[in-house]
Protein backbone atom coordinates (compact mmCIF):
# COMPACT_ATOMS: atom_id res chain seq x y z
CA UNK A 1 -0.09 0.20 0.31
CA UNK A 2 2.65 2.46 1.02
CA UNK A 3 5.03 1.33 -2.20
CA UNK A 4 1.71 1.85 -4.52
CA UNK A 5 1.17 5.45 -2.43
CA UNK A 6 5.03 6.69 -3.34
CA UNK A 7 4.78 5.52 -6.78
CA UNK A 8 1.49 7.47 -7.68
CA UNK A 9 2.88 10.59 -6.22
CA UNK A 10 6.40 10.73 -7.36
CA UNK A 11 4.62 9.73 -10.79
CA UNK A 12 2.37 12.56 -10.25
CA UNK A 13 4.89 15.09 -9.11
CA UNK A 14 6.91 14.23 -12.01
CA UNK A 15 4.15 14.82 -14.79
CA UNK A 16 3.55 18.13 -13.11
CA UNK A 17 7.28 19.81 -12.63
CA UNK A 18 8.56 17.53 -15.89
CA UNK A 19 12.45 17.94 -15.80
CA UNK A 20 12.82 16.71 -11.69
CA UNK A 21 16.12 16.61 -10.45
CA UNK A 22 16.86 15.12 -6.89
CA UNK A 23 19.35 16.95 -4.51
CA UNK A 24 21.99 14.94 -3.43
CA UNK A 25 22.22 14.03 0.46
CA UNK A 26 24.75 16.61 1.41
CA UNK A 27 23.13 19.24 -0.85
CA UNK A 28 19.54 18.86 1.18
CA UNK A 29 21.83 19.27 4.46
CA UNK A 30 23.14 22.06 3.51
CA UNK A 31 19.94 23.49 2.25
CA UNK A 32 18.61 22.68 5.76
CA UNK A 33 21.53 23.82 7.66
CA UNK A 34 20.76 27.71 5.11
CA UNK A 35 17.28 27.36 6.69
CA UNK A 36 19.04 27.03 10.44
CA UNK A 37 21.08 29.76 9.97
CA UNK A 38 19.17 31.86 8.05
CA UNK A 39 15.51 32.06 8.74
CA UNK A 40 14.12 35.72 10.03
CA UNK A 41 10.92 35.57 11.77
CA UNK A 42 8.54 38.09 10.78
CA UNK A 43 5.38 39.76 12.50
CA UNK A 44 2.76 37.20 12.91
CA UNK A 45 4.44 33.98 13.32
CA UNK A 46 5.58 34.27 9.36
CA UNK A 47 9.06 33.45 9.08
CA UNK A 48 11.23 34.07 6.18
CA UNK A 49 13.57 31.61 4.78
CA UNK A 50 16.19 31.89 2.70
CA UNK A 51 16.33 31.28 -1.18
CA UNK A 52 19.22 28.53 -0.29
CA UNK A 53 16.55 26.84 2.48
CA UNK A 54 13.73 26.56 0.05
CA UNK A 55 14.57 22.54 -1.16
CA UNK A 56 14.63 21.61 2.71
CA UNK A 57 11.53 23.26 3.25
CA UNK A 58 10.16 21.35 0.42
CA UNK A 59 11.49 18.35 1.42
CA UNK A 60 10.08 18.42 4.51
CA UNK A 61 6.69 19.91 3.71
CA UNK A 62 6.53 16.55 1.23
CA UNK A 63 7.39 14.47 3.86
CA UNK A 64 4.81 15.95 6.14
CA UNK A 65 2.26 15.25 3.31
CA UNK A 66 2.77 11.82 2.62
CA UNK A 67 2.71 10.98 6.29
CA UNK A 68 -0.35 12.51 6.65
CA UNK A 69 -1.90 10.72 3.49
CA UNK A 70 -0.55 7.39 5.16
CA UNK A 71 -2.61 8.27 8.15
CA UNK A 72 -5.57 8.63 6.08
CA UNK A 73 -5.55 5.69 4.40
CA UNK A 74 -5.15 3.48 7.36
CA UNK A 75 -7.94 5.14 8.93
CA UNK A 76 -10.17 4.60 5.78
CA UNK A 77 -8.87 1.06 5.33
CA UNK A 78 -12.42 -0.67 6.54
CA UNK A 79 -14.11 1.17 3.71
CA UNK A 80 -12.00 -0.34 0.86
CA UNK A 81 -13.11 -3.62 -0.36
CA UNK A 82 -10.41 -6.55 1.16
CA UNK A 83 -10.49 -8.15 -2.67
CA UNK A 84 -9.17 -4.24 -3.96
CA UNK A 85 -6.60 -3.70 -0.85
CA UNK A 86 -4.96 -6.91 -1.19
CA UNK A 87 -4.67 -6.21 -4.63
CA UNK A 88 -2.81 -2.83 -4.08
CA UNK A 89 -0.42 -4.66 -1.25
CA UNK A 90 0.95 -7.21 -3.94
């Protein structure tokens, strides 16, 4: 089920963004360090993230979104007929 979800989301993202490219772990780490060092708090609880930190911010946001989808799918597993659910788990 998780693999199917990841595959569907990955395919959708690649179709939407056309030329997708992946950052290396080192580039992602540098981006996250830029968030930690360069983020400036604005009024009202907002924050200004430096451009170098946006890949880290987007990656973290995507992971959070996927985890919410997995939880929601687990909550609704009982509503899906068992043969259909079993087919997606293979």
